Amino acid sequence: MSQAQAGHFVQQRALLQDIPSLRRKLPTYSQLPESSRLALLSMHWNSPKLVGPNLQRFIQEKNWPAASGEIAYGHSGTLPGLIKRRIFEAGEFGKGFKLSPVFEETRIEKRKAAYDDYMNSLKPAAKAPVK
């Protein structure tokens, strides 16, 4: 396959499969900032299941920090390269919303704790009762 043929294949797959699938999963996909759409497209290209129900819900709720955390930590990849890719995609997704999330490239056994810590950091602090 030539470079031109490979480029044509990639373009056709994205236009005919991945983007229509993302639009079905995320009705607001076309309205997202470009860097966020590209991050989602990259994830979907790698594995459509990465754009799962939690991520879909966070996007529907416009909870951009939680969506970024789900992208970074809400996957089961164990290879260092895949972990780095998800961290990069989370950053690119967040850029579209002027977020600068910082995610650690944690080992698989520590990722659940990192995910929980990150998601808990998004919750507003409980206020002390007024006396």
N, C-alpha and C. Protein backbone atom coordinates (compact mmCIF):
# COMPACT_ATOMS: atom_id res chain seq x y z
N MET A 1 0.85 -1.16 0.00
CA MET A 1 0.00 0.00 0.00
C MET A 1 0.90 1.23 0.00
N SER A 2 0.61 2.16 -0.88
CA SER A 2 1.40 3.38 -0.96
C SER A 2 0.99 4.36 0.15
N GLN A 3 1.80 5.38 0.35
CA GLN A 3 1.49 6.42 1.34
C GLN A 3 0.16 7.09 1.00
N ALA A 4 -0.07 7.36 -0.27
CA ALA A 4 -1.32 8.00 -0.70
C ALA A 4 -2.51 7.09 -0.44
N GLN A 5 -2.36 5.80 -0.73
CA GLN A 5 -3.46 4.85 -0.48
C GLN A 5 -3.76 4.74 1.01
N ALA A 6 -2.71 4.73 1.83
CA ALA A 6 -2.90 4.66 3.28
C ALA A 6 -3.62 5.91 3.77
N GLY A 7 -3.22 7.07 3.28
CA GLY A 7 -3.88 8.33 3.67
C GLY A 7 -5.34 8.33 3.28
N HIS A 8 -5.64 7.81 2.09
CA HIS A 8 -7.03 7.73 1.62
C HIS A 8 -7.83 6.78 2.50
N PHE A 9 -7.24 5.65 2.87
CA PHE A 9 -7.92 4.69 3.74
C PHE A 9 -8.26 5.33 5.09
N VAL A 10 -7.29 6.02 5.68
CA VAL A 10 -7.50 6.65 6.98
C VAL A 10 -8.62 7.68 6.88
N GLN A 11 -8.57 8.50 5.84
CA GLN A 11 -9.59 9.53 5.66
C GLN A 11 -10.98 8.91 5.48
N GLN A 12 -11.08 7.88 4.67
CA GLN A 12 -12.37 7.25 4.42
C GLN A 12 -12.92 6.58 5.68
N ARG A 13 -12.04 5.92 6.42
CA ARG A 13 -12.52 5.27 7.64
C ARG A 13 -13.04 6.30 8.63
N ALA A 14 -12.29 7.39 8.80
CA ALA A 14 -12.72 8.43 9.75
C ALA A 14 -14.04 9.04 9.31
N LEU A 15 -14.15 9.37 8.02
CA LEU A 15 -15.37 10.03 7.53
C LEU A 15 -16.58 9.11 7.46
N LEU A 16 -16.37 7.85 7.13
CA LEU A 16 -17.50 6.94 6.92
C LEU A 16 -17.85 6.09 8.13
N GLN A 17 -16.90 5.89 9.05
CA GLN A 17 -17.17 5.03 10.20
C GLN A 17 -17.07 5.76 11.53
N ASP A 18 -15.90 6.30 11.82
CA ASP A 18 -15.65 6.82 13.15
C ASP A 18 -16.46 8.07 13.48
N ILE A 19 -16.46 9.06 12.61
CA ILE A 19 -17.20 10.29 12.90
C ILE A 19 -18.71 10.03 12.97
N PRO A 20 -19.31 9.28 12.04
CA PRO A 20 -20.74 8.99 12.20
C PRO A 20 -21.06 8.23 13.49
N SER A 21 -20.18 7.32 13.88
CA SER A 21 -20.39 6.58 15.13
C SER A 21 -20.31 7.53 16.33
N LEU A 22 -19.35 8.44 16.33
CA LEU A 22 -19.23 9.41 17.42
C LEU A 22 -20.46 10.32 17.48
N ARG A 23 -20.98 10.70 16.32
CA ARG A 23 -22.18 11.55 16.30
C ARG A 23 -23.41 10.81 16.85
N ARG A 24 -23.46 9.50 16.65
CA ARG A 24 -24.57 8.72 17.23
C ARG A 24 -24.42 8.64 18.75
N LYS A 25 -23.19 8.40 19.20
CA LYS A 25 -22.94 8.27 20.64
C LYS A 25 -23.05 9.62 21.35
N LEU A 26 -22.60 10.67 20.68
CA LEU A 26 -22.52 12.01 21.27
C LEU A 26 -23.22 13.00 20.35
N PRO A 27 -24.51 13.24 20.54
CA PRO A 27 -25.23 14.15 19.64
C PRO A 27 -24.61 15.54 19.53
N THR A 28 -23.85 15.97 20.53
CA THR A 28 -23.23 17.30 20.49
C THR A 28 -21.79 17.25 19.97
N TYR A 29 -21.37 16.12 19.43
CA TYR A 29 -19.99 15.96 18.97
C TYR A 29 -19.56 17.10 18.05
N SER A 30 -20.38 17.45 17.08
CA SER A 30 -20.01 18.48 16.10
C SER A 30 -19.86 19.86 16.73
N GLN A 31 -20.44 20.06 17.91
CA GLN A 31 -20.38 21.37 18.56
C GLN A 31 -19.20 21.49 19.52
N LEU A 32 -18.48 20.41 19.74
CA LEU A 32 -17.32 20.44 20.63
C LEU A 32 -16.16 21.17 19.96
N PRO A 33 -15.25 21.75 20.74
CA PRO A 33 -14.06 22.38 20.16
C PRO A 33 -13.24 21.35 19.35
N GLU A 34 -12.51 21.86 18.38
CA GLU A 34 -11.78 20.98 17.47
C GLU A 34 -10.81 20.04 18.19
N SER A 35 -10.03 20.56 19.15
CA SER A 35 -9.07 19.69 19.82
C SER A 35 -9.78 18.58 20.60
N SER A 36 -10.96 18.88 21.13
CA SER A 36 -11.73 17.88 21.86
C SER A 36 -12.28 16.82 20.91
N ARG A 37 -12.77 17.27 19.76
CA ARG A 37 -13.26 16.31 18.76
C ARG A 37 -12.14 15.39 18.27
N LEU A 38 -10.96 15.98 18.05
CA LEU A 38 -9.83 15.17 17.56
C LEU A 38 -9.39 14.16 18.61
N ALA A 39 -9.41 14.54 19.87
CA ALA A 39 -9.06 13.59 20.94
C ALA A 39 -10.04 12.42 20.95
N LEU A 40 -11.32 12.73 20.85
CA LEU A 40 -12.34 11.67 20.83
C LEU A 40 -12.20 10.79 19.59
N LEU A 41 -11.90 11.40 18.45
CA LEU A 41 -11.69 10.64 17.22
C LEU A 41 -10.50 9.70 17.36
N SER A 42 -9.42 10.19 17.96
CA SER A 42 -8.24 9.36 18.19
C SER A 42 -8.58 8.16 19.06
N MET A 43 -9.33 8.41 20.13
CA MET A 43 -9.72 7.31 21.02
C MET A 43 -10.61 6.31 20.29
N HIS A 44 -11.61 6.83 19.57
CA HIS A 44 -12.56 5.95 18.87
C HIS A 44 -11.84 5.13 17.81
N TRP A 45 -10.88 5.75 17.14
CA TRP A 45 -10.10 5.03 16.13
C TRP A 45 -9.38 3.86 16.78
N ASN A 46 -8.80 4.11 17.94
CA ASN A 46 -8.04 3.09 18.65
C ASN A 46 -8.96 1.97 19.13
N SER A 47 -10.11 2.34 19.71
CA SER A 47 -11.08 1.37 20.18
C SER A 47 -12.39 2.09 20.48
N PRO A 48 -13.44 1.82 19.72
CA PRO A 48 -14.72 2.51 19.94
C PRO A 48 -15.24 2.42 21.37
N LYS A 49 -14.91 1.34 22.07
CA LYS A 49 -15.42 1.19 23.44
C LYS A 49 -14.81 2.21 24.41
N LEU A 50 -13.73 2.88 24.02
CA LEU A 50 -13.14 3.91 24.87
C LEU A 50 -14.09 5.09 25.06
N VAL A 51 -14.98 5.30 24.11
CA VAL A 51 -15.99 6.35 24.24
C VAL A 51 -17.24 5.66 24.80
N GLY A 52 -17.11 5.26 26.06
CA GLY A 52 -18.14 4.47 26.71
C GLY A 52 -19.18 5.31 27.43
N PRO A 53 -20.06 4.64 28.19
CA PRO A 53 -21.18 5.33 28.82
C PRO A 53 -20.78 6.41 29.83
N ASN A 54 -19.72 6.19 30.61
CA ASN A 54 -19.31 7.22 31.56
C ASN A 54 -18.86 8.48 30.84
N LEU A 55 -18.01 8.32 29.84
CA LEU A 55 -17.52 9.47 29.08
C LEU A 55 -18.68 10.16 28.37
N GLN A 56 -19.57 9.38 27.78
CA GLN A 56 -20.74 9.97 27.11
C GLN A 56 -21.57 10.79 28.09
N ARG A 57 -21.77 10.27 29.29
CA ARG A 57 -22.57 10.98 30.30
C ARG A 57 -21.88 12.28 30.72
N PHE A 58 -20.57 12.23 30.97
CA PHE A 58 -19.86 13.44 31.37
C PHE A 58 -19.93 14.51 30.28
N ILE A 59 -19.83 14.10 29.03
CA ILE A 59 -19.92 15.06 27.93
C ILE A 59 -21.34 15.62 27.84
N GLN A 60 -22.34 14.76 27.97
CA GLN A 60 -23.73 15.21 27.92
C GLN A 60 -24.00 16.22 29.04
N GLU A 61 -23.42 15.98 30.22
CA GLU A 61 -23.60 16.87 31.36
C GLU A 61 -22.69 18.10 31.30
N LYS A 62 -21.84 18.16 30.29
CA LYS A 62 -20.85 19.24 30.12
C LYS A 62 -19.92 19.32 31.32
N ASN A 63 -19.59 18.18 31.86
CA ASN A 63 -18.64 18.10 32.96
C ASN A 63 -17.27 17.80 32.36
N TRP A 64 -16.64 18.84 31.83
CA TRP A 64 -15.40 18.68 31.08
C TRP A 64 -14.24 18.15 31.93
N PRO A 65 -14.07 18.58 33.18
CA PRO A 65 -12.99 18.01 33.98
C PRO A 65 -13.17 16.50 34.21
N ALA A 66 -14.41 16.08 34.49
CA ALA A 66 -14.66 14.65 34.70
C ALA A 66 -14.45 13.87 33.40
N ALA A 67 -14.84 14.46 32.28
CA ALA A 67 -14.62 13.79 30.99
C ALA A 67 -13.13 13.62 30.74
N SER A 68 -12.34 14.64 31.05
CA SER A 68 -10.89 14.53 30.89
C SER A 68 -10.32 13.43 31.77
N GLY A 69 -10.79 13.35 33.02
CA GLY A 69 -10.33 12.30 33.92
C GLY A 69 -10.71 10.92 33.43
N GLU A 70 -11.91 10.80 32.87
CA GLU A 70 -12.35 9.51 32.33
C GLU A 70 -11.45 9.09 31.16
N ILE A 71 -11.09 10.04 30.32
CA ILE A 71 -10.20 9.73 29.20
C ILE A 71 -8.84 9.27 29.70
N ALA A 72 -8.31 9.96 30.70
CA ALA A 72 -6.97 9.65 31.20
C ALA A 72 -6.92 8.33 31.95
N TYR A 73 -7.92 8.08 32.80
CA TYR A 73 -7.83 6.95 33.73
C TYR A 73 -8.90 5.88 33.55
N GLY A 74 -9.94 6.14 32.80
CA GLY A 74 -11.06 5.21 32.73
C GLY A 74 -10.93 4.15 31.64
N HIS A 75 -9.75 3.63 31.46
CA HIS A 75 -9.51 2.59 30.45
C HIS A 75 -8.71 1.46 31.07
N SER A 76 -8.61 0.37 30.37
CA SER A 76 -7.93 -0.79 30.93
C SER A 76 -6.58 -1.07 30.27
N GLY A 77 -6.08 -0.10 29.51
CA GLY A 77 -4.79 -0.30 28.85
C GLY A 77 -3.66 -0.48 29.85
N THR A 78 -2.75 -1.38 29.55
CA THR A 78 -1.63 -1.64 30.46
C THR A 78 -0.28 -1.29 29.84
N LEU A 79 -0.23 -1.13 28.55
CA LEU A 79 1.03 -0.82 27.89
C LEU A 79 1.41 0.64 28.12
N PRO A 80 2.66 0.91 28.45
CA PRO A 80 3.06 2.30 28.71
C PRO A 80 2.71 3.26 27.57
N GLY A 81 2.84 2.80 26.34
CA GLY A 81 2.51 3.66 25.20
C GLY A 81 1.04 4.02 25.15
N LEU A 82 0.17 3.06 25.47
CA LEU A 82 -1.27 3.34 25.48
C LEU A 82 -1.63 4.28 26.63
N ILE A 83 -1.00 4.10 27.76
CA ILE A 83 -1.25 4.99 28.90
C ILE A 83 -0.84 6.42 28.53
N LYS A 84 0.32 6.58 27.90
CA LYS A 84 0.77 7.90 27.48
C LYS A 84 -0.20 8.50 26.45
N ARG A 85 -0.70 7.67 25.56
CA ARG A 85 -1.64 8.15 24.55
C ARG A 85 -2.92 8.66 25.19
N ARG A 86 -3.46 7.93 26.17
CA ARG A 86 -4.69 8.38 26.84
C ARG A 86 -4.45 9.67 27.60
N ILE A 87 -3.28 9.79 28.25
CA ILE A 87 -2.94 11.02 28.97
C ILE A 87 -2.88 12.19 27.98
N PHE A 88 -2.25 11.97 26.83
CA PHE A 88 -2.16 13.01 25.81
C PHE A 88 -3.56 13.39 25.32
N GLU A 89 -4.40 12.39 25.04
CA GLU A 89 -5.75 12.66 24.55
C GLU A 89 -6.57 13.42 25.59
N ALA A 90 -6.39 13.09 26.86
CA ALA A 90 -7.10 13.81 27.92
C ALA A 90 -6.69 15.28 27.93
N GLY A 91 -5.41 15.53 27.75
CA GLY A 91 -4.93 16.91 27.69
C GLY A 91 -5.47 17.66 26.49
N GLU A 92 -5.50 16.99 25.34
CA GLU A 92 -6.03 17.62 24.13
C GLU A 92 -7.53 17.89 24.27
N PHE A 93 -8.25 16.94 24.86
CA PHE A 93 -9.68 17.14 25.09
C PHE A 93 -9.88 18.37 25.98
N GLY A 94 -9.12 18.45 27.06
CA GLY A 94 -9.26 19.56 28.00
C GLY A 94 -8.90 20.90 27.42
N LYS A 95 -7.94 20.94 26.48
CA LYS A 95 -7.55 22.20 25.85
C LYS A 95 -8.74 22.90 25.20
N GLY A 96 -9.65 22.11 24.65
CA GLY A 96 -10.82 22.68 24.00
C GLY A 96 -11.70 23.47 24.95
N PHE A 97 -11.57 23.20 26.23
CA PHE A 97 -12.37 23.87 27.24
C PHE A 97 -11.51 24.71 28.17
N LYS A 98 -10.31 25.04 27.70
CA LYS A 98 -9.36 25.85 28.46
C LYS A 98 -9.02 25.22 29.81
N LEU A 99 -8.99 23.91 29.84
CA LEU A 99 -8.57 23.18 31.04
C LEU A 99 -7.11 22.79 30.86
N SER A 100 -6.41 22.72 31.93
CA SER A 100 -5.03 22.25 31.90
C SER A 100 -4.88 21.13 32.93
N PRO A 101 -5.59 20.01 32.71
CA PRO A 101 -5.50 18.94 33.70
C PRO A 101 -4.11 18.32 33.70
N VAL A 102 -3.69 17.91 34.87
CA VAL A 102 -2.40 17.24 35.01
C VAL A 102 -2.69 15.82 35.47
N PHE A 103 -2.30 14.88 34.66
CA PHE A 103 -2.52 13.48 34.96
C PHE A 103 -1.19 12.77 35.06
N GLU A 104 -1.11 11.84 35.97
CA GLU A 104 0.12 11.07 36.14
C GLU A 104 0.04 9.79 35.34
N GLU A 105 1.16 9.38 34.80
CA GLU A 105 1.23 8.12 34.08
C GLU A 105 1.45 7.01 35.10
N THR A 106 0.36 6.57 35.70
CA THR A 106 0.44 5.59 36.77
C THR A 106 0.43 4.17 36.23
N ARG A 107 0.98 3.28 37.02
CA ARG A 107 0.93 1.87 36.67
C ARG A 107 -0.50 1.39 36.79
N ILE A 108 -0.84 0.32 36.10
CA ILE A 108 -2.22 -0.17 36.04
C ILE A 108 -2.80 -0.40 37.43
N GLU A 109 -2.03 -0.96 38.34
CA GLU A 109 -2.58 -1.26 39.66
C GLU A 109 -2.84 0.00 40.48
N LYS A 110 -2.27 1.14 40.10
CA LYS A 110 -2.49 2.39 40.82
C LYS A 110 -3.48 3.31 40.09
N ARG A 111 -3.90 2.94 38.89
CA ARG A 111 -4.74 3.82 38.10
C ARG A 111 -6.11 4.05 38.73
N LYS A 112 -6.70 3.01 39.33
CA LYS A 112 -8.01 3.16 39.96
C LYS A 112 -7.94 4.19 41.09
N ALA A 113 -6.91 4.12 41.90
CA ALA A 113 -6.75 5.10 42.98
C ALA A 113 -6.53 6.50 42.42
N ALA A 114 -5.74 6.62 41.35
CA ALA A 114 -5.50 7.92 40.73
C ALA A 114 -6.80 8.48 40.16
N TYR A 115 -7.59 7.62 39.55
CA TYR A 115 -8.90 8.02 39.00
C TYR A 115 -9.80 8.51 40.12
N ASP A 116 -9.90 7.74 41.19
CA ASP A 116 -10.75 8.13 42.32
C ASP A 116 -10.28 9.44 42.94
N ASP A 117 -8.97 9.59 43.13
CA ASP A 117 -8.43 10.83 43.69
C ASP A 117 -8.76 12.02 42.81
N TYR A 118 -8.59 11.85 41.50
CA TYR A 118 -8.87 12.95 40.58
C TYR A 118 -10.36 13.31 40.61
N MET A 119 -11.23 12.32 40.51
CA MET A 119 -12.67 12.59 40.50
C MET A 119 -13.12 13.22 41.82
N ASN A 120 -12.56 12.76 42.93
CA ASN A 120 -12.91 13.35 44.22
C ASN A 120 -12.45 14.80 44.32
N SER A 121 -11.36 15.13 43.65
CA SER A 121 -10.86 16.51 43.69
C SER A 121 -11.80 17.46 42.96
N LEU A 122 -12.67 16.93 42.11
CA LEU A 122 -13.62 17.76 41.36
C LEU A 122 -14.84 18.13 42.19
N LYS A 123 -15.09 17.37 43.25
CA LYS A 123 -16.27 17.61 44.07
C LYS A 123 -16.03 18.83 44.95
N PRO A 124 -17.07 19.66 45.09
CA PRO A 124 -16.89 20.83 45.96
C PRO A 124 -16.66 20.39 47.40
N ALA A 125 -15.84 21.13 48.10
CA ALA A 125 -15.54 20.83 49.50
C ALA A 125 -16.80 21.04 50.33
N ALA A 126 -17.01 20.17 51.29
CA ALA A 126 -18.17 20.27 52.17
C ALA A 126 -18.01 21.50 53.06
N LYS A 127 -19.08 22.25 53.19
CA LYS A 127 -19.03 23.45 54.03
C LYS A 127 -19.33 23.07 55.46
N ALA A 128 -18.65 23.76 56.37
CA ALA A 128 -18.89 23.53 57.80
C ALA A 128 -20.28 24.06 58.15
N PRO A 129 -20.99 23.37 59.03
CA PRO A 129 -22.32 23.85 59.40
C PRO A 129 -22.22 25.22 60.09
N VAL A 130 -23.19 26.05 59.81
CA VAL A 130 -23.24 27.38 60.40
C VAL A 130 -23.86 27.27 61.78
N LYS A 131 -23.22 27.90 62.76
CA LYS A 131 -23.74 27.85 64.14
C LYS A 131 -24.46 29.11 64.49
